[in-house]
Amino acid sequence: MPITKHYFTGDDPDTAPQPLAPGATIGYARVSTTDQATALSHETQILAIELAYPNAAAIVIETASGADPARPGLRWAMASRPALLVVMRIDRLARSTLTILTILDDLATWRGVLRLLDIAIDPATPQGRLVITMLAAVAEFERTLIATRTSQGMMARGGKSHLSPSTRARILQLRAYGHSWRTTAKLISDESHRHIAQSTCRFICGQLSPCPIDKPSTH
């Protein structure tokens, strides 16, 4: 029987299916953009999960930033309280150490297990959790490095942006409304139907590093 696949590309809870009954095996495949490199494409991840767990109940297929802990596909997978959550490698699950450790803790509340296909470890053991924490830290570091290089690349091109004038104006408007950088990036990404990083928003606003007067937003 083919594995059910659920696609998530936005943040519309009305289109999300009902969570599965607890105790299922669920795969999770994520890319940041629709043109993700072949080695990490949705198709590559799906094939790896299907080969390792042909009897999985479902595979969540999501296009979203790994820095966003509130991704609808990830929320759906966790709401199903899986006995086994399968990902090809740790950075496909998230690029935030805090998010990954929170997922491990949430899985532990119903004795669920995280399974990484690229490394044989048991996250439930102290040694396994240590390895997961280290891998998560590396994934988060890589995300920060990518954002830095993106900003530097934009500066090297003389500050020219790939965003339209209306999108740039919308970024300035969202910041003027008091939204945080994270919320601004998420809203503009949703409106543009593509991933736009916080670093890009900062560049548009002329602030490539955190502004000292920034305050946490309640939005």
N, C-alpha and C. Protein backbone atom coordinates (compact mmCIF):
# COMPACT_ATOMS: atom_id res chain seq x y z
N MET A 1 0.85 -1.19 0.00
CA MET A 1 0.00 0.00 0.00
C MET A 1 0.89 1.25 0.00
N PRO A 2 0.66 2.17 -0.95
CA PRO A 2 1.50 3.38 -1.03
C PRO A 2 1.41 4.21 0.25
N ILE A 3 2.53 4.86 0.58
CA ILE A 3 2.56 5.73 1.75
C ILE A 3 1.82 7.03 1.43
N THR A 4 0.94 7.45 2.33
CA THR A 4 0.22 8.71 2.14
C THR A 4 1.20 9.88 2.27
N LYS A 5 1.09 10.85 1.36
CA LYS A 5 1.97 12.01 1.38
C LYS A 5 1.14 13.27 1.58
N HIS A 6 1.59 14.11 2.50
CA HIS A 6 0.91 15.37 2.79
C HIS A 6 1.87 16.52 2.49
N TYR A 7 1.44 17.42 1.62
CA TYR A 7 2.28 18.55 1.21
C TYR A 7 1.89 19.82 1.96
N PHE A 8 2.90 20.50 2.46
CA PHE A 8 2.69 21.77 3.17
C PHE A 8 3.61 22.82 2.58
N THR A 9 3.02 23.90 2.05
CA THR A 9 3.82 24.98 1.48
C THR A 9 3.43 26.34 2.04
N GLY A 10 2.46 26.38 2.93
CA GLY A 10 2.02 27.64 3.51
C GLY A 10 1.60 27.45 4.94
N ASP A 11 0.89 28.44 5.48
CA ASP A 11 0.48 28.39 6.88
C ASP A 11 -1.03 28.53 6.99
N ASP A 12 -1.74 27.65 6.27
CA ASP A 12 -3.20 27.68 6.27
C ASP A 12 -3.73 26.46 7.00
N PRO A 13 -4.11 26.60 8.28
CA PRO A 13 -4.56 25.43 9.05
C PRO A 13 -5.82 24.80 8.50
N ASP A 14 -6.60 25.56 7.69
CA ASP A 14 -7.84 25.01 7.16
C ASP A 14 -7.59 23.92 6.12
N THR A 15 -6.40 23.91 5.51
CA THR A 15 -6.11 22.92 4.48
C THR A 15 -5.36 21.70 5.03
N ALA A 16 -4.98 21.75 6.29
CA ALA A 16 -4.22 20.64 6.88
C ALA A 16 -5.17 19.46 7.17
N PRO A 17 -4.72 18.24 6.90
CA PRO A 17 -5.55 17.07 7.21
C PRO A 17 -5.64 16.86 8.72
N GLN A 18 -6.58 16.03 9.12
CA GLN A 18 -6.69 15.69 10.52
C GLN A 18 -5.46 14.87 10.93
N PRO A 19 -4.95 15.09 12.16
CA PRO A 19 -3.80 14.29 12.62
C PRO A 19 -4.12 12.81 12.60
N LEU A 20 -3.09 12.00 12.44
CA LEU A 20 -3.25 10.55 12.47
C LEU A 20 -3.49 10.07 13.90
N ALA A 21 -3.93 8.85 14.02
CA ALA A 21 -4.05 8.25 15.34
C ALA A 21 -2.65 8.08 15.93
N PRO A 22 -2.50 8.26 17.23
CA PRO A 22 -1.16 8.15 17.86
C PRO A 22 -0.52 6.79 17.59
N GLY A 23 0.82 6.81 17.55
CA GLY A 23 1.56 5.56 17.42
C GLY A 23 2.01 5.20 16.03
N ALA A 24 1.80 6.10 15.05
CA ALA A 24 2.18 5.80 13.67
C ALA A 24 3.65 6.12 13.42
N THR A 25 4.16 5.62 12.30
CA THR A 25 5.48 6.01 11.81
C THR A 25 5.28 7.09 10.75
N ILE A 26 5.89 8.25 10.97
CA ILE A 26 5.72 9.39 10.06
C ILE A 26 7.09 9.87 9.58
N GLY A 27 7.23 10.03 8.29
CA GLY A 27 8.44 10.59 7.72
C GLY A 27 8.28 12.09 7.55
N TYR A 28 9.40 12.81 7.58
CA TYR A 28 9.35 14.27 7.41
C TYR A 28 10.45 14.68 6.43
N ALA A 29 10.05 15.33 5.34
CA ALA A 29 10.99 15.80 4.31
C ALA A 29 10.81 17.30 4.13
N ARG A 30 11.90 18.05 4.25
CA ARG A 30 11.81 19.52 4.15
C ARG A 30 12.89 20.09 3.25
N VAL A 31 12.51 21.10 2.48
CA VAL A 31 13.48 21.93 1.77
C VAL A 31 13.14 23.38 2.08
N SER A 32 14.14 24.25 1.95
CA SER A 32 13.92 25.68 2.23
C SER A 32 13.32 26.39 1.03
N THR A 33 13.71 25.97 -0.18
CA THR A 33 13.22 26.59 -1.40
C THR A 33 12.87 25.51 -2.41
N THR A 34 12.09 25.89 -3.41
CA THR A 34 11.66 24.92 -4.42
C THR A 34 12.82 24.48 -5.31
N ASP A 35 13.93 25.22 -5.29
CA ASP A 35 15.08 24.84 -6.11
C ASP A 35 16.22 24.28 -5.27
N GLN A 36 15.86 23.60 -4.17
CA GLN A 36 16.87 22.98 -3.30
C GLN A 36 17.75 22.03 -4.12
N ALA A 37 19.03 21.95 -3.75
CA ALA A 37 19.96 21.07 -4.46
C ALA A 37 19.44 19.63 -4.50
N THR A 38 19.76 18.93 -5.59
CA THR A 38 19.25 17.57 -5.81
C THR A 38 19.54 16.64 -4.64
N ALA A 39 20.72 16.78 -4.03
CA ALA A 39 21.11 15.89 -2.93
C ALA A 39 20.19 16.02 -1.74
N LEU A 40 19.48 17.15 -1.63
CA LEU A 40 18.58 17.35 -0.50
C LEU A 40 17.15 17.62 -0.95
N SER A 41 16.83 17.29 -2.18
CA SER A 41 15.50 17.57 -2.71
C SER A 41 14.43 16.76 -1.98
N HIS A 42 13.19 17.18 -2.13
CA HIS A 42 12.08 16.41 -1.57
C HIS A 42 12.13 14.97 -2.06
N GLU A 43 12.36 14.81 -3.37
CA GLU A 43 12.34 13.47 -3.95
C GLU A 43 13.39 12.56 -3.33
N THR A 44 14.60 13.11 -3.10
CA THR A 44 15.68 12.32 -2.50
C THR A 44 15.31 11.89 -1.08
N GLN A 45 14.76 12.82 -0.31
CA GLN A 45 14.38 12.51 1.07
C GLN A 45 13.23 11.51 1.12
N ILE A 46 12.24 11.70 0.26
CA ILE A 46 11.09 10.78 0.23
C ILE A 46 11.55 9.37 -0.09
N LEU A 47 12.41 9.24 -1.10
CA LEU A 47 12.90 7.92 -1.49
C LEU A 47 13.66 7.25 -0.35
N ALA A 48 14.48 8.02 0.37
CA ALA A 48 15.24 7.45 1.48
C ALA A 48 14.31 6.95 2.58
N ILE A 49 13.27 7.71 2.87
CA ILE A 49 12.32 7.31 3.91
C ILE A 49 11.52 6.09 3.47
N GLU A 50 11.07 6.08 2.22
CA GLU A 50 10.29 4.94 1.71
C GLU A 50 11.11 3.65 1.72
N LEU A 51 12.38 3.74 1.38
CA LEU A 51 13.22 2.55 1.37
C LEU A 51 13.48 2.03 2.78
N ALA A 52 13.66 2.95 3.73
CA ALA A 52 13.96 2.54 5.11
C ALA A 52 12.71 2.09 5.86
N TYR A 53 11.57 2.73 5.57
CA TYR A 53 10.33 2.44 6.29
C TYR A 53 9.17 2.33 5.29
N PRO A 54 9.10 1.25 4.53
CA PRO A 54 8.05 1.10 3.51
C PRO A 54 6.65 1.02 4.08
N ASN A 55 6.52 0.73 5.37
CA ASN A 55 5.20 0.64 6.00
C ASN A 55 4.83 1.89 6.78
N ALA A 56 5.55 2.98 6.55
CA ALA A 56 5.22 4.23 7.24
C ALA A 56 3.80 4.66 6.89
N ALA A 57 3.14 5.30 7.85
CA ALA A 57 1.75 5.71 7.64
C ALA A 57 1.65 6.93 6.73
N ALA A 58 2.65 7.83 6.83
CA ALA A 58 2.58 9.08 6.06
C ALA A 58 3.96 9.71 5.98
N ILE A 59 4.13 10.55 4.96
CA ILE A 59 5.32 11.39 4.86
C ILE A 59 4.87 12.83 4.72
N VAL A 60 5.37 13.68 5.58
CA VAL A 60 5.11 15.12 5.50
C VAL A 60 6.16 15.73 4.57
N ILE A 61 5.69 16.48 3.58
CA ILE A 61 6.57 17.09 2.58
C ILE A 61 6.38 18.60 2.68
N GLU A 62 7.40 19.29 3.14
CA GLU A 62 7.24 20.72 3.48
C GLU A 62 8.30 21.58 2.82
N THR A 63 7.89 22.77 2.38
CA THR A 63 8.81 23.79 1.88
C THR A 63 8.76 24.95 2.86
N ALA A 64 9.79 25.07 3.68
CA ALA A 64 9.81 26.09 4.73
C ALA A 64 11.21 26.20 5.30
N SER A 65 11.45 27.30 5.99
CA SER A 65 12.75 27.51 6.62
C SER A 65 12.92 26.58 7.81
N GLY A 66 14.11 26.01 7.94
CA GLY A 66 14.40 25.16 9.08
C GLY A 66 14.53 25.93 10.38
N ALA A 67 14.57 27.27 10.29
CA ALA A 67 14.66 28.09 11.49
C ALA A 67 13.30 28.36 12.11
N ASP A 68 12.23 28.01 11.39
CA ASP A 68 10.88 28.29 11.87
C ASP A 68 10.34 27.09 12.65
N PRO A 69 10.15 27.23 13.97
CA PRO A 69 9.66 26.10 14.77
C PRO A 69 8.16 25.87 14.62
N ALA A 70 7.46 26.82 14.00
CA ALA A 70 6.00 26.73 13.91
C ALA A 70 5.53 26.30 12.52
N ARG A 71 6.37 25.56 11.79
CA ARG A 71 5.98 25.09 10.46
C ARG A 71 4.72 24.22 10.54
N PRO A 72 3.74 24.46 9.65
CA PRO A 72 2.48 23.69 9.73
C PRO A 72 2.67 22.20 9.54
N GLY A 73 3.58 21.79 8.65
CA GLY A 73 3.79 20.36 8.44
C GLY A 73 4.40 19.70 9.66
N LEU A 74 5.37 20.35 10.26
CA LEU A 74 5.98 19.82 11.48
C LEU A 74 4.97 19.78 12.61
N ARG A 75 4.15 20.83 12.72
CA ARG A 75 3.10 20.84 13.76
C ARG A 75 2.14 19.67 13.57
N TRP A 76 1.77 19.40 12.31
CA TRP A 76 0.85 18.29 12.03
C TRP A 76 1.48 16.96 12.42
N ALA A 77 2.74 16.77 12.06
CA ALA A 77 3.42 15.51 12.39
C ALA A 77 3.46 15.30 13.90
N MET A 78 3.79 16.35 14.66
CA MET A 78 3.87 16.21 16.11
C MET A 78 2.49 16.06 16.74
N ALA A 79 1.48 16.70 16.14
CA ALA A 79 0.11 16.56 16.66
C ALA A 79 -0.40 15.13 16.51
N SER A 80 0.19 14.38 15.56
CA SER A 80 -0.20 12.98 15.37
C SER A 80 0.45 12.05 16.39
N ARG A 81 1.35 12.61 17.23
CA ARG A 81 2.01 11.85 18.28
C ARG A 81 2.62 10.54 17.74
N PRO A 82 3.56 10.67 16.79
CA PRO A 82 4.11 9.46 16.16
C PRO A 82 4.96 8.63 17.12
N ALA A 83 4.91 7.34 16.93
CA ALA A 83 5.82 6.46 17.68
C ALA A 83 7.23 6.59 17.11
N LEU A 84 7.30 6.90 15.80
CA LEU A 84 8.58 7.04 15.13
C LEU A 84 8.49 8.22 14.16
N LEU A 85 9.38 9.19 14.34
CA LEU A 85 9.47 10.33 13.43
C LEU A 85 10.79 10.17 12.66
N VAL A 86 10.69 10.02 11.34
CA VAL A 86 11.85 9.67 10.52
C VAL A 86 12.25 10.84 9.63
N VAL A 87 13.53 11.22 9.67
CA VAL A 87 14.07 12.24 8.78
C VAL A 87 15.38 11.75 8.19
N MET A 88 15.73 12.25 7.01
CA MET A 88 16.94 11.79 6.35
C MET A 88 18.18 12.22 7.14
N ARG A 89 18.16 13.48 7.63
CA ARG A 89 19.25 13.95 8.46
C ARG A 89 18.76 15.12 9.30
N ILE A 90 19.50 15.47 10.32
CA ILE A 90 19.00 16.38 11.36
C ILE A 90 18.64 17.76 10.83
N ASP A 91 19.38 18.29 9.83
CA ASP A 91 19.07 19.63 9.37
C ASP A 91 17.80 19.69 8.53
N ARG A 92 17.26 18.53 8.14
CA ARG A 92 15.96 18.52 7.46
C ARG A 92 14.83 18.71 8.47
N LEU A 93 15.08 18.33 9.70
CA LEU A 93 14.08 18.51 10.75
C LEU A 93 14.04 19.95 11.22
N ALA A 94 15.21 20.54 11.45
CA ALA A 94 15.29 21.93 11.90
C ALA A 94 16.74 22.38 11.85
N ARG A 95 16.92 23.69 11.82
CA ARG A 95 18.26 24.27 11.91
C ARG A 95 18.34 25.16 13.16
N SER A 96 17.74 24.69 14.21
CA SER A 96 17.75 25.38 15.49
C SER A 96 17.95 24.34 16.59
N THR A 97 18.97 24.52 17.39
CA THR A 97 19.24 23.57 18.47
C THR A 97 18.06 23.50 19.43
N LEU A 98 17.50 24.65 19.78
CA LEU A 98 16.38 24.68 20.71
C LEU A 98 15.18 23.92 20.15
N THR A 99 14.88 24.14 18.86
CA THR A 99 13.74 23.45 18.25
C THR A 99 13.93 21.94 18.26
N ILE A 100 15.12 21.48 17.91
CA ILE A 100 15.38 20.04 17.85
C ILE A 100 15.28 19.40 19.24
N LEU A 101 15.84 20.05 20.25
CA LEU A 101 15.76 19.51 21.60
C LEU A 101 14.32 19.53 22.12
N THR A 102 13.56 20.54 21.74
CA THR A 102 12.14 20.59 22.12
C THR A 102 11.38 19.44 21.49
N ILE A 103 11.67 19.14 20.23
CA ILE A 103 11.03 18.01 19.55
C ILE A 103 11.36 16.71 20.27
N LEU A 104 12.61 16.52 20.64
CA LEU A 104 13.01 15.31 21.37
C LEU A 104 12.24 15.19 22.69
N ASP A 105 12.13 16.31 23.40
CA ASP A 105 11.41 16.29 24.68
C ASP A 105 9.93 15.99 24.48
N ASP A 106 9.34 16.58 23.42
CA ASP A 106 7.92 16.33 23.14
C ASP A 106 7.70 14.86 22.77
N LEU A 107 8.57 14.31 21.93
CA LEU A 107 8.44 12.89 21.57
C LEU A 107 8.53 12.00 22.80
N ALA A 108 9.40 12.37 23.72
CA ALA A 108 9.61 11.56 24.93
C ALA A 108 8.37 11.49 25.80
N THR A 109 7.50 12.50 25.72
CA THR A 109 6.30 12.51 26.57
C THR A 109 5.35 11.37 26.22
N TRP A 110 5.38 10.90 24.96
CA TRP A 110 4.54 9.74 24.59
C TRP A 110 5.41 8.57 24.11
N ARG A 111 6.69 8.58 24.53
CA ARG A 111 7.63 7.51 24.21
C ARG A 111 7.88 7.39 22.70
N GLY A 112 7.77 8.51 22.01
CA GLY A 112 8.10 8.53 20.59
C GLY A 112 9.60 8.60 20.40
N VAL A 113 10.06 8.23 19.20
CA VAL A 113 11.50 8.16 18.91
C VAL A 113 11.79 8.91 17.62
N LEU A 114 12.88 9.67 17.61
CA LEU A 114 13.37 10.32 16.40
C LEU A 114 14.38 9.39 15.73
N ARG A 115 14.21 9.14 14.43
CA ARG A 115 15.15 8.28 13.72
C ARG A 115 15.80 9.07 12.58
N LEU A 116 17.13 9.17 12.61
CA LEU A 116 17.90 9.80 11.55
C LEU A 116 18.44 8.71 10.63
N LEU A 117 18.26 8.88 9.33
CA LEU A 117 18.67 7.84 8.39
C LEU A 117 20.15 7.88 8.06
N ASP A 118 20.81 8.99 8.36
CA ASP A 118 22.23 9.09 7.98
C ASP A 118 23.18 8.71 9.11
N ILE A 119 22.64 8.42 10.30
CA ILE A 119 23.51 8.05 11.42
C ILE A 119 22.72 7.17 12.39
N ALA A 120 23.34 6.10 12.85
CA ALA A 120 22.67 5.14 13.74
C ALA A 120 22.91 5.54 15.19
N ILE A 121 21.97 6.29 15.76
CA ILE A 121 22.06 6.67 17.16
C ILE A 121 20.68 6.57 17.79
N ASP A 122 20.66 6.43 19.10
CA ASP A 122 19.41 6.39 19.86
C ASP A 122 19.31 7.68 20.67
N PRO A 123 18.48 8.64 20.23
CA PRO A 123 18.37 9.92 20.93
C PRO A 123 17.86 9.80 22.35
N ALA A 124 17.30 8.63 22.70
CA ALA A 124 16.75 8.45 24.05
C ALA A 124 17.85 8.22 25.08
N THR A 125 19.05 7.87 24.62
CA THR A 125 20.16 7.65 25.55
C THR A 125 20.93 8.96 25.76
N PRO A 126 21.64 9.09 26.90
CA PRO A 126 22.44 10.31 27.12
C PRO A 126 23.47 10.54 26.01
N GLN A 127 24.10 9.46 25.54
CA GLN A 127 25.08 9.59 24.48
C GLN A 127 24.42 10.05 23.17
N GLY A 128 23.26 9.46 22.89
CA GLY A 128 22.55 9.82 21.67
C GLY A 128 22.08 11.27 21.70
N ARG A 129 21.59 11.72 22.85
CA ARG A 129 21.14 13.11 22.96
C ARG A 129 22.32 14.06 22.79
N LEU A 130 23.49 13.67 23.31
CA LEU A 130 24.68 14.51 23.15
C LEU A 130 25.03 14.66 21.68
N VAL A 131 25.00 13.55 20.93
CA VAL A 131 25.31 13.59 19.51
C VAL A 131 24.28 14.45 18.77
N ILE A 132 23.01 14.27 19.09
CA ILE A 132 21.95 15.07 18.46
C ILE A 132 22.18 16.55 18.73
N THR A 133 22.53 16.90 19.96
CA THR A 133 22.76 18.30 20.32
C THR A 133 23.91 18.88 19.50
N MET A 134 24.98 18.11 19.34
CA MET A 134 26.12 18.57 18.56
C MET A 134 25.75 18.74 17.08
N LEU A 135 25.01 17.78 16.53
CA LEU A 135 24.59 17.88 15.13
C LEU A 135 23.66 19.08 14.93
N ALA A 136 22.79 19.31 15.91
CA ALA A 136 21.87 20.45 15.83
C ALA A 136 22.63 21.77 15.85
N ALA A 137 23.65 21.84 16.70
CA ALA A 137 24.46 23.06 16.78
C ALA A 137 25.17 23.32 15.46
N VAL A 138 25.66 22.27 14.81
CA VAL A 138 26.32 22.42 13.51
C VAL A 138 25.32 22.91 12.47
N ALA A 139 24.11 22.34 12.47
CA ALA A 139 23.08 22.76 11.52
C ALA A 139 22.72 24.23 11.72
N GLU A 140 22.62 24.65 12.98
CA GLU A 140 22.30 26.05 13.27
C GLU A 140 23.45 26.97 12.82
N PHE A 141 24.67 26.53 13.04
CA PHE A 141 25.83 27.31 12.61
C PHE A 141 25.84 27.46 11.08
N GLU A 142 25.53 26.37 10.37
CA GLU A 142 25.51 26.43 8.91
C GLU A 142 24.46 27.42 8.42
N ARG A 143 23.29 27.45 9.09
CA ARG A 143 22.24 28.41 8.71
C ARG A 143 22.72 29.84 8.88
N THR A 144 23.38 30.11 10.01
CA THR A 144 23.90 31.45 10.27
C THR A 144 24.95 31.83 9.23
N LEU A 145 25.80 30.86 8.88
CA LEU A 145 26.85 31.11 7.90
C LEU A 145 26.26 31.42 6.53
N ILE A 146 25.23 30.67 6.15
CA ILE A 146 24.57 30.91 4.87
C ILE A 146 23.96 32.31 4.83
N ALA A 147 23.29 32.69 5.93
CA ALA A 147 22.68 34.03 5.99
C ALA A 147 23.73 35.12 5.87
N THR A 148 24.87 34.91 6.55
CA THR A 148 25.95 35.90 6.49
C THR A 148 26.50 36.04 5.08
N ARG A 149 26.71 34.90 4.42
CA ARG A 149 27.24 34.93 3.06
C ARG A 149 26.25 35.57 2.10
N THR A 150 24.96 35.35 2.33
CA THR A 150 23.94 35.97 1.49
C THR A 150 24.00 37.48 1.61
N SER A 151 24.10 37.96 2.84
CA SER A 151 24.18 39.40 3.07
C SER A 151 25.44 39.98 2.43
N GLN A 152 26.56 39.28 2.59
CA GLN A 152 27.81 39.75 2.01
C GLN A 152 27.74 39.76 0.49
N GLY A 153 27.08 38.77 -0.07
CA GLY A 153 26.93 38.72 -1.52
C GLY A 153 26.10 39.87 -2.05
N MET A 154 25.05 40.22 -1.31
CA MET A 154 24.22 41.35 -1.72
C MET A 154 25.01 42.64 -1.64
N MET A 155 25.84 42.78 -0.61
CA MET A 155 26.68 43.97 -0.49
C MET A 155 27.68 44.05 -1.65
N ALA A 156 28.24 42.89 -2.03
CA ALA A 156 29.22 42.86 -3.11
C ALA A 156 28.59 43.24 -4.44
N ARG A 157 27.27 43.02 -4.58
CA ARG A 157 26.59 43.39 -5.81
C ARG A 157 26.11 44.83 -5.78
N GLY A 158 26.61 45.57 -4.80
CA GLY A 158 26.25 46.98 -4.73
C GLY A 158 24.91 47.23 -4.09
N GLY A 159 24.43 46.23 -3.33
CA GLY A 159 23.18 46.44 -2.62
C GLY A 159 21.95 46.20 -3.45
N LYS A 160 22.11 45.66 -4.68
CA LYS A 160 20.95 45.41 -5.52
C LYS A 160 20.17 44.23 -4.97
N SER A 161 18.88 44.35 -4.89
CA SER A 161 18.05 43.30 -4.33
C SER A 161 17.26 42.61 -5.43
N HIS A 162 17.00 41.32 -5.25
CA HIS A 162 16.18 40.57 -6.17
C HIS A 162 14.71 40.78 -5.90
N LEU A 163 14.38 41.58 -4.90
CA LEU A 163 12.99 41.83 -4.54
C LEU A 163 12.43 43.01 -5.31
N SER A 164 11.14 42.94 -5.59
CA SER A 164 10.48 44.03 -6.32
C SER A 164 10.35 45.25 -5.42
N PRO A 165 10.17 46.43 -6.00
CA PRO A 165 9.99 47.65 -5.19
C PRO A 165 8.83 47.54 -4.20
N SER A 166 7.72 46.88 -4.63
CA SER A 166 6.57 46.76 -3.73
C SER A 166 6.89 45.85 -2.54
N THR A 167 7.68 44.80 -2.78
CA THR A 167 8.06 43.91 -1.69
C THR A 167 8.99 44.61 -0.72
N ARG A 168 9.95 45.39 -1.24
CA ARG A 168 10.85 46.14 -0.38
C ARG A 168 10.08 47.14 0.47
N ALA A 169 9.08 47.78 -0.15
CA ALA A 169 8.26 48.74 0.59
C ALA A 169 7.45 48.05 1.68
N ARG A 170 6.99 46.84 1.38
CA ARG A 170 6.20 46.07 2.35
C ARG A 170 7.05 45.69 3.56
N ILE A 171 8.34 45.34 3.31
CA ILE A 171 9.25 45.03 4.42
C ILE A 171 9.41 46.23 5.34
N LEU A 172 9.60 47.40 4.75
CA LEU A 172 9.74 48.63 5.55
C LEU A 172 8.45 48.90 6.33
N GLN A 173 7.31 48.61 5.69
CA GLN A 173 6.03 48.85 6.35
C GLN A 173 5.85 47.92 7.55
N LEU A 174 6.19 46.64 7.39
CA LEU A 174 6.05 45.69 8.49
C LEU A 174 6.93 46.06 9.66
N ARG A 175 8.15 46.51 9.36
CA ARG A 175 9.04 46.95 10.44
C ARG A 175 8.49 48.19 11.14
N ALA A 176 7.89 49.08 10.34
CA ALA A 176 7.31 50.30 10.91
C ALA A 176 6.14 49.97 11.83
N TYR A 177 5.44 48.87 11.54
CA TYR A 177 4.34 48.43 12.40
C TYR A 177 4.84 47.81 13.70
N GLY A 178 6.16 47.60 13.81
CA GLY A 178 6.73 47.06 15.05
C GLY A 178 6.97 45.57 15.05
N HIS A 179 6.83 44.92 13.88
CA HIS A 179 7.08 43.48 13.82
C HIS A 179 8.56 43.18 14.00
N SER A 180 8.87 42.06 14.64
CA SER A 180 10.27 41.63 14.79
C SER A 180 10.81 41.22 13.43
N TRP A 181 12.15 41.06 13.35
CA TRP A 181 12.76 40.62 12.09
C TRP A 181 12.21 39.25 11.69
N ARG A 182 12.08 38.36 12.67
CA ARG A 182 11.60 37.00 12.38
C ARG A 182 10.18 37.04 11.81
N THR A 183 9.30 37.81 12.46
CA THR A 183 7.92 37.90 11.99
C THR A 183 7.84 38.57 10.63
N THR A 184 8.64 39.62 10.43
CA THR A 184 8.67 40.31 9.14
C THR A 184 9.06 39.35 8.03
N ALA A 185 10.11 38.56 8.26
CA ALA A 185 10.57 37.61 7.25
C ALA A 185 9.51 36.56 6.95
N LYS A 186 8.83 36.09 7.99
CA LYS A 186 7.80 35.06 7.79
C LYS A 186 6.61 35.63 7.01
N LEU A 187 6.15 36.82 7.39
CA LEU A 187 5.00 37.43 6.72
C LEU A 187 5.31 37.72 5.26
N ILE A 188 6.49 38.28 5.00
CA ILE A 188 6.83 38.63 3.63
C ILE A 188 7.05 37.38 2.79
N SER A 189 7.57 36.31 3.41
CA SER A 189 7.73 35.03 2.71
C SER A 189 6.37 34.45 2.33
N ASP A 190 5.43 34.50 3.27
CA ASP A 190 4.08 34.00 3.01
C ASP A 190 3.41 34.78 1.89
N GLU A 191 3.57 36.10 1.93
CA GLU A 191 2.92 36.96 0.93
C GLU A 191 3.56 36.79 -0.44
N SER A 192 4.87 36.51 -0.47
CA SER A 192 5.60 36.39 -1.74
C SER A 192 5.60 34.96 -2.27
N HIS A 193 5.13 34.01 -1.43
CA HIS A 193 5.10 32.59 -1.80
C HIS A 193 6.51 32.06 -2.10
N ARG A 194 7.50 32.53 -1.35
CA ARG A 194 8.87 32.03 -1.44
C ARG A 194 9.59 32.44 -0.17
N HIS A 195 10.69 31.73 0.11
CA HIS A 195 11.41 32.01 1.34
C HIS A 195 12.24 33.28 1.21
N ILE A 196 12.06 34.21 2.15
CA ILE A 196 12.86 35.43 2.23
C ILE A 196 13.46 35.48 3.63
N ALA A 197 14.78 35.48 3.71
CA ALA A 197 15.47 35.37 4.99
C ALA A 197 15.44 36.67 5.78
N GLN A 198 15.64 36.54 7.09
CA GLN A 198 15.74 37.72 7.94
C GLN A 198 16.88 38.62 7.48
N SER A 199 17.98 38.00 7.04
CA SER A 199 19.13 38.79 6.60
C SER A 199 18.78 39.67 5.42
N THR A 200 17.90 39.18 4.54
CA THR A 200 17.46 39.99 3.39
C THR A 200 16.63 41.17 3.86
N CYS A 201 15.75 40.94 4.83
CA CYS A 201 14.94 42.02 5.38
C CYS A 201 15.82 43.08 6.03
N ARG A 202 16.83 42.61 6.76
CA ARG A 202 17.76 43.54 7.40
C ARG A 202 18.50 44.38 6.35
N PHE A 203 18.88 43.72 5.26
CA PHE A 203 19.59 44.44 4.21
C PHE A 203 18.71 45.52 3.60
N ILE A 204 17.45 45.16 3.32
CA ILE A 204 16.53 46.12 2.74
C ILE A 204 16.37 47.33 3.65
N CYS A 205 16.35 47.08 4.95
CA CYS A 205 16.19 48.17 5.92
C CYS A 205 17.51 48.86 6.23
N GLY A 206 18.60 48.40 5.61
CA GLY A 206 19.88 49.03 5.84
C GLY A 206 20.52 48.65 7.15
N GLN A 207 20.12 47.47 7.71
CA GLN A 207 20.66 47.02 8.98
C GLN A 207 21.07 45.56 8.84
N LEU A 208 22.34 45.33 8.60
CA LEU A 208 22.84 43.97 8.39
C LEU A 208 23.20 43.27 9.68
N SER A 209 23.07 43.96 10.82
CA SER A 209 23.31 43.36 12.13
C SER A 209 22.18 43.78 13.03
N PRO A 210 21.91 43.04 14.13
CA PRO A 210 20.79 43.36 15.01
C PRO A 210 20.87 44.80 15.51
N CYS A 211 19.75 45.47 15.41
CA CYS A 211 19.67 46.86 15.85
C CYS A 211 19.57 46.91 17.37
N PRO A 212 20.36 47.72 18.06
CA PRO A 212 20.35 47.74 19.50
C PRO A 212 19.04 48.20 20.11
N ILE A 213 18.18 48.84 19.32
CA ILE A 213 16.92 49.30 19.90
C ILE A 213 15.79 48.31 19.62
N ASP A 214 16.12 47.20 18.90
CA ASP A 214 15.09 46.19 18.67
C ASP A 214 14.56 45.65 19.98
N LYS A 215 13.25 45.48 20.04
CA LYS A 215 12.63 44.89 21.22
C LYS A 215 11.77 43.71 20.78
N PRO A 216 11.61 42.68 21.63
CA PRO A 216 10.78 41.55 21.26
C PRO A 216 9.39 42.01 20.89
N SER A 217 8.88 41.47 19.79
CA SER A 217 7.54 41.85 19.34
C SER A 217 6.52 40.86 19.86
N THR A 218 5.33 41.35 20.15
CA THR A 218 4.26 40.48 20.59
C THR A 218 3.42 40.00 19.43
N HIS A 219 3.81 40.42 18.20
CA HIS A 219 3.03 40.02 17.04
C HIS A 219 3.40 38.62 16.61
